Amino acid sequence: MVMIISFIVSLLNIFRKLLYKFECFLLSFLPNDPISNPVSDAYRSFKVHPLPVIEPDHLPVSFDKAKAAYEAKHNKPLKPVFR
């Protein structure tokens, strides 16, 4: 029984060494330096978007001007909101 266990352990050791050599062989085909620019945007870790263009027509207006524009458009006064 002891001989069988020792034989199995020695076979497992040999198998482990063979797997290590096979792994080293496969790793020799991988490139050593990573590509500096990824091909796709999905693989980038950080991306900065350009700043939006703020046109003068879309700047915030005062409440009084917005209220007057609402009254001119809908022909009724703006109702207050009660919460």
PDB file of N, CA and C in Angstrom:
ATOM      1  N   MET A   1       0.816  -1.191   0.000  1.00  0.00           N
ATOM      2  CA  MET A   1       0.000   0.000   0.000  1.00  0.00           C
ATOM      3  C   MET A   1       0.858   1.253   0.000  1.00  0.00           C
ATOM      4  N   VAL A   2       1.934   1.213   0.742  1.00  0.00           N
ATOM      5  CA  VAL A   2       2.836   2.355   0.820  1.00  0.00           C
ATOM      6  C   VAL A   2       3.511   2.574  -0.521  1.00  0.00           C
ATOM      7  N   MET A   3       3.832   1.496  -1.216  1.00  0.00           N
ATOM      8  CA  MET A   3       4.493   1.620  -2.515  1.00  0.00           C
ATOM      9  C   MET A   3       3.561   2.252  -3.546  1.00  0.00           C
ATOM     10  N   ILE A   4       2.284   1.926  -3.460  1.00  0.00           N
ATOM     11  CA  ILE A   4       1.326   2.487  -4.407  1.00  0.00           C
ATOM     12  C   ILE A   4       1.201   4.006  -4.201  1.00  0.00           C
ATOM     13  N   ILE A   5       1.126   4.406  -2.942  1.00  0.00           N
ATOM     14  CA  ILE A   5       1.010   5.835  -2.629  1.00  0.00           C
ATOM     15  C   ILE A   5       2.263   6.579  -3.060  1.00  0.00           C
ATOM     16  N   SER A   6       3.427   6.023  -2.807  1.00  0.00           N
ATOM     17  CA  SER A   6       4.673   6.688  -3.210  1.00  0.00           C
ATOM     18  C   SER A   6       4.788   6.760  -4.734  1.00  0.00           C
ATOM     19  N   PHE A   7       4.327   5.731  -5.423  1.00  0.00           N
ATOM     20  CA  PHE A   7       4.342   5.724  -6.884  1.00  0.00           C
ATOM     21  C   PHE A   7       3.407   6.817  -7.444  1.00  0.00           C
ATOM     22  N   ILE A   8       2.222   6.938  -6.852  1.00  0.00           N
ATOM     23  CA  ILE A   8       1.266   7.965  -7.288  1.00  0.00           C
ATOM     24  C   ILE A   8       1.837   9.363  -7.022  1.00  0.00           C
ATOM     25  N   VAL A   9       2.469   9.549  -5.890  1.00  0.00           N
ATOM     26  CA  VAL A   9       3.066  10.854  -5.564  1.00  0.00           C
ATOM     27  C   VAL A   9       4.183  11.188  -6.544  1.00  0.00           C
ATOM     28  N   SER A  10       4.998  10.220  -6.884  1.00  0.00           N
ATOM     29  CA  SER A  10       6.077  10.475  -7.841  1.00  0.00           C
ATOM     30  C   SER A  10       5.518  10.778  -9.235  1.00  0.00           C
ATOM     31  N   LEU A  11       4.435  10.097  -9.643  1.00  0.00           N
ATOM     32  CA  LEU A  11       3.794  10.397 -10.919  1.00  0.00           C
ATOM     33  C   LEU A  11       3.208  11.811 -10.927  1.00  0.00           C
ATOM     34  N   LEU A  12       2.605  12.212  -9.827  1.00  0.00           N
ATOM     35  CA  LEU A  12       2.069  13.560  -9.732  1.00  0.00           C
ATOM     36  C   LEU A  12       3.167  14.614  -9.797  1.00  0.00           C
ATOM     37  N   ASN A  13       4.310  14.326  -9.196  1.00  0.00           N
ATOM     38  CA  ASN A  13       5.458  15.247  -9.264  1.00  0.00           C
ATOM     39  C   ASN A  13       5.954  15.395 -10.700  1.00  0.00           C
ATOM     40  N   ILE A  14       6.076  14.265 -11.390  1.00  0.00           N
ATOM     41  CA  ILE A  14       6.525  14.300 -12.784  1.00  0.00           C
ATOM     42  C   ILE A  14       5.518  15.069 -13.638  1.00  0.00           C
ATOM     43  N   PHE A  15       4.235  14.837 -13.422  1.00  0.00           N
ATOM     44  CA  PHE A  15       3.192  15.522 -14.161  1.00  0.00           C
ATOM     45  C   PHE A  15       3.234  17.029 -13.891  1.00  0.00           C
ATOM     46  N   ARG A  16       3.476  17.426 -12.642  1.00  0.00           N
ATOM     47  CA  ARG A  16       3.578  18.839 -12.287  1.00  0.00           C
ATOM     48  C   ARG A  16       4.748  19.499 -12.993  1.00  0.00           C
ATOM     49  N   LYS A  17       5.892  18.820 -13.066  1.00  0.00           N
ATOM     50  CA  LYS A  17       7.067  19.367 -13.752  1.00  0.00           C
ATOM     51  C   LYS A  17       6.811  19.513 -15.254  1.00  0.00           C
ATOM     52  N   LEU A  18       6.139  18.528 -15.833  1.00  0.00           N
ATOM     53  CA  LEU A  18       5.810  18.617 -17.252  1.00  0.00           C
ATOM     54  C   LEU A  18       4.858  19.773 -17.547  1.00  0.00           C
ATOM     55  N   LEU A  19       3.882  19.954 -16.681  1.00  0.00           N
ATOM     56  CA  LEU A  19       2.961  21.068 -16.848  1.00  0.00           C
ATOM     57  C   LEU A  19       3.667  22.411 -16.732  1.00  0.00           C
ATOM     58  N   TYR A  20       4.626  22.506 -15.811  1.00  0.00           N
ATOM     59  CA  TYR A  20       5.395  23.741 -15.659  1.00  0.00           C
ATOM     60  C   TYR A  20       6.205  24.035 -16.926  1.00  0.00           C
ATOM     61  N   LYS A  21       6.842  23.014 -17.492  1.00  0.00           N
ATOM     62  CA  LYS A  21       7.619  23.207 -18.722  1.00  0.00           C
ATOM     63  C   LYS A  21       6.709  23.572 -19.888  1.00  0.00           C
ATOM     64  N   PHE A  22       5.541  22.973 -19.954  1.00  0.00           N
ATOM     65  CA  PHE A  22       4.592  23.297 -21.009  1.00  0.00           C
ATOM     66  C   PHE A  22       4.092  24.738 -20.871  1.00  0.00           C
ATOM     67  N   GLU A  23       3.858  25.159 -19.643  1.00  0.00           N
ATOM     68  CA  GLU A  23       3.424  26.536 -19.402  1.00  0.00           C
ATOM     69  C   GLU A  23       4.515  27.526 -19.791  1.00  0.00           C
ATOM     70  N   CYS A  24       5.747  27.241 -19.474  1.00  0.00           N
ATOM     71  CA  CYS A  24       6.855  28.107 -19.871  1.00  0.00           C
ATOM     72  C   CYS A  24       6.974  28.167 -21.396  1.00  0.00           C
ATOM     73  N   PHE A  25       6.761  27.050 -22.047  1.00  0.00           N
ATOM     74  CA  PHE A  25       6.797  27.009 -23.507  1.00  0.00           C
ATOM     75  C   PHE A  25       5.700  27.893 -24.108  1.00  0.00           C
ATOM     76  N   LEU A  26       4.501  27.820 -23.543  1.00  0.00           N
ATOM     77  CA  LEU A  26       3.403  28.637 -24.048  1.00  0.00           C
ATOM     78  C   LEU A  26       3.630  30.120 -23.765  1.00  0.00           C
ATOM     79  N   LEU A  27       4.218  30.442 -22.640  1.00  0.00           N
ATOM     80  CA  LEU A  27       4.465  31.838 -22.294  1.00  0.00           C
ATOM     81  C   LEU A  27       5.523  32.474 -23.181  1.00  0.00           C
ATOM     82  N   SER A  28       6.342  31.673 -23.818  1.00  0.00           N
ATOM     83  CA  SER A  28       7.372  32.232 -24.691  1.00  0.00           C
ATOM     84  C   SER A  28       6.756  32.849 -25.950  1.00  0.00           C
ATOM     85  N   PHE A  29       5.513  32.514 -26.278  1.00  0.00           N
ATOM     86  CA  PHE A  29       4.861  33.064 -27.458  1.00  0.00           C
ATOM     87  C   PHE A  29       4.107  34.366 -27.176  1.00  0.00           C
ATOM     88  N   LEU A  30       3.952  34.731 -25.930  1.00  0.00           N
ATOM     89  CA  LEU A  30       3.258  35.972 -25.594  1.00  0.00           C
ATOM     90  C   LEU A  30       4.202  37.157 -25.778  1.00  0.00           C
ATOM     91  N   PRO A  31       3.674  38.332 -26.185  1.00  0.00           N
ATOM     92  CA  PRO A  31       4.541  39.503 -26.308  1.00  0.00           C
ATOM     93  C   PRO A  31       4.980  39.998 -24.933  1.00  0.00           C
ATOM     94  N   ASN A  32       6.185  40.523 -24.871  1.00  0.00           N
ATOM     95  CA  ASN A  32       6.727  40.979 -23.593  1.00  0.00           C
ATOM     96  C   ASN A  32       6.240  42.371 -23.217  1.00  0.00           C
ATOM     97  N   ASP A  33       6.038  43.244 -24.193  1.00  0.00           N
ATOM     98  CA  ASP A  33       5.605  44.603 -23.897  1.00  0.00           C
ATOM     99  C   ASP A  33       4.138  44.789 -24.285  1.00  0.00           C
ATOM    100  N   PRO A  34       3.335  45.336 -23.369  1.00  0.00           N
ATOM    101  CA  PRO A  34       1.928  45.565 -23.708  1.00  0.00           C
ATOM    102  C   PRO A  34       1.808  46.720 -24.697  1.00  0.00           C
ATOM    103  N   ILE A  35       0.749  46.724 -25.445  1.00  0.00           N
ATOM    104  CA  ILE A  35       0.512  47.783 -26.422  1.00  0.00           C
ATOM    105  C   ILE A  35       0.147  49.058 -25.665  1.00  0.00           C
ATOM    106  N   SER A  36       0.783  50.160 -26.018  1.00  0.00           N
ATOM    107  CA  SER A  36       0.544  51.403 -25.286  1.00  0.00           C
ATOM    108  C   SER A  36      -0.837  51.978 -25.582  1.00  0.00           C
ATOM    109  N   ASN A  37      -1.306  51.870 -26.809  1.00  0.00           N
ATOM    110  CA  ASN A  37      -2.631  52.375 -27.171  1.00  0.00           C
ATOM    111  C   ASN A  37      -3.563  51.204 -27.457  1.00  0.00           C
ATOM    112  N   PRO A  38      -4.588  51.008 -26.627  1.00  0.00           N
ATOM    113  CA  PRO A  38      -5.508  49.916 -26.898  1.00  0.00           C
ATOM    114  C   PRO A  38      -6.264  50.149 -28.199  1.00  0.00           C
ATOM    115  N   VAL A  39      -6.684  49.074 -28.798  1.00  0.00           N
ATOM    116  CA  VAL A  39      -7.355  49.149 -30.093  1.00  0.00           C
ATOM    117  C   VAL A  39      -8.760  49.726 -29.933  1.00  0.00           C
ATOM    118  N   SER A  40      -9.461  49.328 -28.913  1.00  0.00           N
ATOM    119  CA  SER A  40     -10.843  49.723 -28.738  1.00  0.00           C
ATOM    120  C   SER A  40     -10.981  50.673 -27.551  1.00  0.00           C
ATOM    121  N   ASP A  41     -11.983  51.569 -27.599  1.00  0.00           N
ATOM    122  CA  ASP A  41     -12.232  52.474 -26.483  1.00  0.00           C
ATOM    123  C   ASP A  41     -12.772  51.739 -25.259  1.00  0.00           C
ATOM    124  N   ALA A  42     -13.346  50.575 -25.461  1.00  0.00           N
ATOM    125  CA  ALA A  42     -13.925  49.834 -24.337  1.00  0.00           C
ATOM    126  C   ALA A  42     -12.846  49.345 -23.375  1.00  0.00           C
ATOM    127  N   TYR A  43     -11.606  49.195 -23.835  1.00  0.00           N
ATOM    128  CA  TYR A  43     -10.543  48.676 -22.986  1.00  0.00           C
ATOM    129  C   TYR A  43      -9.743  49.784 -22.308  1.00  0.00           C
ATOM    130  N   ARG A  44     -10.076  51.032 -22.556  1.00  0.00           N
ATOM    131  CA  ARG A  44      -9.359  52.125 -21.908  1.00  0.00           C
ATOM    132  C   ARG A  44      -9.847  52.271 -20.481  1.00  0.00           C
ATOM    133  N   SER A  45      -8.928  52.540 -19.559  1.00  0.00           N
ATOM    134  CA  SER A  45      -9.315  52.644 -18.163  1.00  0.00           C
ATOM    135  C   SER A  45      -9.820  54.043 -17.827  1.00  0.00           C
ATOM    136  N   PHE A  46      -9.359  55.074 -18.541  1.00  0.00           N
ATOM    137  CA  PHE A  46      -9.755  56.432 -18.234  1.00  0.00           C
ATOM    138  C   PHE A  46      -9.836  57.219 -19.526  1.00  0.00           C
ATOM    139  N   LYS A  47     -10.931  57.908 -19.722  1.00  0.00           N
ATOM    140  CA  LYS A  47     -11.106  58.667 -20.949  1.00  0.00           C
ATOM    141  C   LYS A  47     -11.674  60.031 -20.590  1.00  0.00           C
ATOM    142  N   VAL A  48     -11.084  61.093 -21.139  1.00  0.00           N
ATOM    143  CA  VAL A  48     -11.537  62.450 -20.879  1.00  0.00           C
ATOM    144  C   VAL A  48     -12.328  62.936 -22.081  1.00  0.00           C
ATOM    145  N   HIS A  49     -13.548  63.361 -21.839  1.00  0.00           N
ATOM    146  CA  HIS A  49     -14.394  63.878 -22.905  1.00  0.00           C
ATOM    147  C   HIS A  49     -14.071  65.354 -23.124  1.00  0.00           C
ATOM    148  N   PRO A  50     -14.234  65.844 -24.335  1.00  0.00           N
ATOM    149  CA  PRO A  50     -14.008  67.277 -24.557  1.00  0.00           C
ATOM    150  C   PRO A  50     -15.079  68.102 -23.852  1.00  0.00           C
ATOM    151  N   LEU A  51     -14.741  69.358 -23.517  1.00  0.00           N
ATOM    152  CA  LEU A  51     -15.693  70.223 -22.821  1.00  0.00           C
ATOM    153  C   LEU A  51     -16.843  70.598 -23.753  1.00  0.00           C
ATOM    154  N   PRO A  52     -18.049  70.722 -23.218  1.00  0.00           N
ATOM    155  CA  PRO A  52     -19.183  71.094 -24.069  1.00  0.00           C
ATOM    156  C   PRO A  52     -19.107  72.567 -24.461  1.00  0.00           C
ATOM    157  N   VAL A  53     -19.639  72.876 -25.610  1.00  0.00           N
ATOM    158  CA  VAL A  53     -19.691  74.259 -26.076  1.00  0.00           C
ATOM    159  C   VAL A  53     -20.973  74.887 -25.535  1.00  0.00           C
ATOM    160  N   ILE A  54     -20.827  75.979 -24.781  1.00  0.00           N
ATOM    161  CA  ILE A  54     -21.983  76.658 -24.206  1.00  0.00           C
ATOM    162  C   ILE A  54     -22.316  77.838 -25.111  1.00  0.00           C
ATOM    163  N   GLU A  55     -23.459  77.761 -25.740  1.00  0.00           N
ATOM    164  CA  GLU A  55     -23.887  78.833 -26.640  1.00  0.00           C
ATOM    165  C   GLU A  55     -24.612  79.899 -25.832  1.00  0.00           C
ATOM    166  N   PRO A  56     -24.542  81.159 -26.248  1.00  0.00           N
ATOM    167  CA  PRO A  56     -25.185  82.237 -25.489  1.00  0.00           C
ATOM    168  C   PRO A  56     -26.707  82.085 -25.402  1.00  0.00           C
ATOM    169  N   ASP A  57     -27.328  81.383 -26.348  1.00  0.00           N
ATOM    170  CA  ASP A  57     -28.782  81.223 -26.309  1.00  0.00           C
ATOM    171  C   ASP A  57     -29.238  80.322 -25.169  1.00  0.00           C
ATOM    172  N   HIS A  58     -28.365  79.444 -24.700  1.00  0.00           N
ATOM    173  CA  HIS A  58     -28.750  78.473 -23.688  1.00  0.00           C
ATOM    174  C   HIS A  58     -28.247  78.820 -22.293  1.00  0.00           C
ATOM    175  N   LEU A  59     -27.804  80.045 -22.088  1.00  0.00           N
ATOM    176  CA  LEU A  59     -27.361  80.448 -20.758  1.00  0.00           C
ATOM    177  C   LEU A  59     -28.570  80.579 -19.833  1.00  0.00           C
ATOM    178  N   PRO A  60     -28.396  80.384 -18.530  1.00  0.00           N
ATOM    179  CA  PRO A  60     -29.542  80.487 -17.610  1.00  0.00           C
ATOM    180  C   PRO A  60     -30.121  81.905 -17.617  1.00  0.00           C
ATOM    181  N   VAL A  61     -31.436  81.992 -17.519  1.00  0.00           N
ATOM    182  CA  VAL A  61     -32.121  83.282 -17.487  1.00  0.00           C
ATOM    183  C   VAL A  61     -32.695  83.491 -16.091  1.00  0.00           C
ATOM    184  N   SER A  62     -32.999  84.730 -15.789  1.00  0.00           N
ATOM    185  CA  SER A  62     -33.566  85.023 -14.473  1.00  0.00           C
ATOM    186  C   SER A  62     -34.999  84.496 -14.398  1.00  0.00           C
ATOM    187  N   PHE A  63     -35.497  84.382 -13.172  1.00  0.00           N
ATOM    188  CA  PHE A  63     -36.843  83.844 -12.967  1.00  0.00           C
ATOM    189  C   PHE A  63     -37.899  84.781 -13.540  1.00  0.00           C
ATOM    190  N   ASP A  64     -37.660  86.088 -13.393  1.00  0.00           N
ATOM    191  CA  ASP A  64     -38.652  87.045 -13.894  1.00  0.00           C
ATOM    192  C   ASP A  64     -38.799  86.952 -15.411  1.00  0.00           C
ATOM    193  N   LYS A  65     -37.681  86.794 -16.127  1.00  0.00           N
ATOM    194  CA  LYS A  65     -37.743  86.673 -17.586  1.00  0.00           C
ATOM    195  C   LYS A  65     -38.408  85.351 -17.990  1.00  0.00           C
ATOM    196  N   ALA A  66     -38.091  84.281 -17.279  1.00  0.00           N
ATOM    197  CA  ALA A  66     -38.695  82.987 -17.590  1.00  0.00           C
ATOM    198  C   ALA A  66     -40.195  83.005 -17.314  1.00  0.00           C
ATOM    199  N   LYS A  67     -40.605  83.700 -16.221  1.00  0.00           N
ATOM    200  CA  LYS A  67     -42.028  83.798 -15.891  1.00  0.00           C
ATOM    201  C   LYS A  67     -42.766  84.613 -16.948  1.00  0.00           C
ATOM    202  N   ALA A  68     -42.164  85.716 -17.404  1.00  0.00           N
ATOM    203  CA  ALA A  68     -42.784  86.542 -18.445  1.00  0.00           C
ATOM    204  C   ALA A  68     -42.887  85.771 -19.763  1.00  0.00           C
ATOM    205  N   ALA A  69     -41.863  84.967 -20.090  1.00  0.00           N
ATOM    206  CA  ALA A  69     -41.902  84.172 -21.325  1.00  0.00           C
ATOM    207  C   ALA A  69     -42.991  83.104 -21.237  1.00  0.00           C
ATOM    208  N   TYR A  70     -43.182  82.489 -20.054  1.00  0.00           N
ATOM    209  CA  TYR A  70     -44.240  81.482 -19.875  1.00  0.00           C
ATOM    210  C   TYR A  70     -45.619  82.117 -20.034  1.00  0.00           C
ATOM    211  N   GLU A  71     -45.791  83.299 -19.420  1.00  0.00           N
ATOM    212  CA  GLU A  71     -47.089  83.970 -19.511  1.00  0.00           C
ATOM    213  C   GLU A  71     -47.390  84.404 -20.939  1.00  0.00           C
ATOM    214  N   ALA A  72     -46.355  84.820 -21.692  1.00  0.00           N
ATOM    215  CA  ALA A  72     -46.564  85.229 -23.080  1.00  0.00           C
ATOM    216  C   ALA A  72     -46.891  84.017 -23.960  1.00  0.00           C
ATOM    217  N   LYS A  73     -46.300  82.891 -23.658  1.00  0.00           N
ATOM    218  CA  LYS A  73     -46.503  81.699 -24.491  1.00  0.00           C
ATOM    219  C   LYS A  73     -47.852  81.029 -24.219  1.00  0.00           C
ATOM    220  N   HIS A  74     -48.244  80.930 -22.933  1.00  0.00           N
ATOM    221  CA  HIS A  74     -49.435  80.164 -22.563  1.00  0.00           C
ATOM    222  C   HIS A  74     -50.653  81.042 -22.250  1.00  0.00           C
ATOM    223  N   ASN A  75     -50.481  82.354 -22.213  1.00  0.00           N
ATOM    224  CA  ASN A  75     -51.570  83.297 -21.935  1.00  0.00           C
ATOM    225  C   ASN A  75     -52.242  83.049 -20.591  1.00  0.00           C
ATOM    226  N   LYS A  76     -51.499  82.596 -19.610  1.00  0.00           N
ATOM    227  CA  LYS A  76     -52.015  82.441 -18.246  1.00  0.00           C
ATOM    228  C   LYS A  76     -50.837  82.556 -17.282  1.00  0.00           C
ATOM    229  N   PRO A  77     -51.119  82.976 -16.055  1.00  0.00           N
ATOM    230  CA  PRO A  77     -50.007  83.153 -15.105  1.00  0.00           C
ATOM    231  C   PRO A  77     -49.487  81.808 -14.608  1.00  0.00           C
ATOM    232  N   LEU A  78     -48.240  81.809 -14.167  1.00  0.00           N
ATOM    233  CA  LEU A  78     -47.605  80.604 -13.641  1.00  0.00           C
ATOM    234  C   LEU A  78     -48.101  80.356 -12.235  1.00  0.00           C
ATOM    235  N   LYS A  79     -48.601  79.171 -11.961  1.00  0.00           N
ATOM    236  CA  LYS A  79     -49.137  78.856 -10.642  1.00  0.00           C
ATOM    237  C   LYS A  79     -48.008  78.459  -9.699  1.00  0.00           C
ATOM    238  N   PRO A  80     -48.092  78.861  -8.440  1.00  0.00           N
ATOM    239  CA  PRO A  80     -47.052  78.453  -7.493  1.00  0.00           C
ATOM    240  C   PRO A  80     -47.192  76.981  -7.125  1.00  0.00           C
ATOM    241  N   VAL A  81     -46.084  76.385  -6.674  1.00  0.00           N
ATOM    242  CA  VAL A  81     -46.072  74.985  -6.288  1.00  0.00           C
ATOM    243  C   VAL A  81     -46.118  74.900  -4.772  1.00  0.00           C
ATOM    244  N   PHE A  82     -47.116  74.206  -4.235  1.00  0.00           N
ATOM    245  CA  PHE A  82     -47.242  74.013  -2.792  1.00  0.00           C
ATOM    246  C   PHE A  82     -46.823  72.596  -2.461  1.00  0.00           C
ATOM    247  N   ARG A  83     -45.894  72.495  -1.558  1.00  0.00           N
ATOM    248  CA  ARG A  83     -45.399  71.159  -1.176  1.00  0.00           C
ATOM    249  C   ARG A  83     -45.765  70.845   0.249  1.00  0.00           C
TER     250      ARG A  83
END
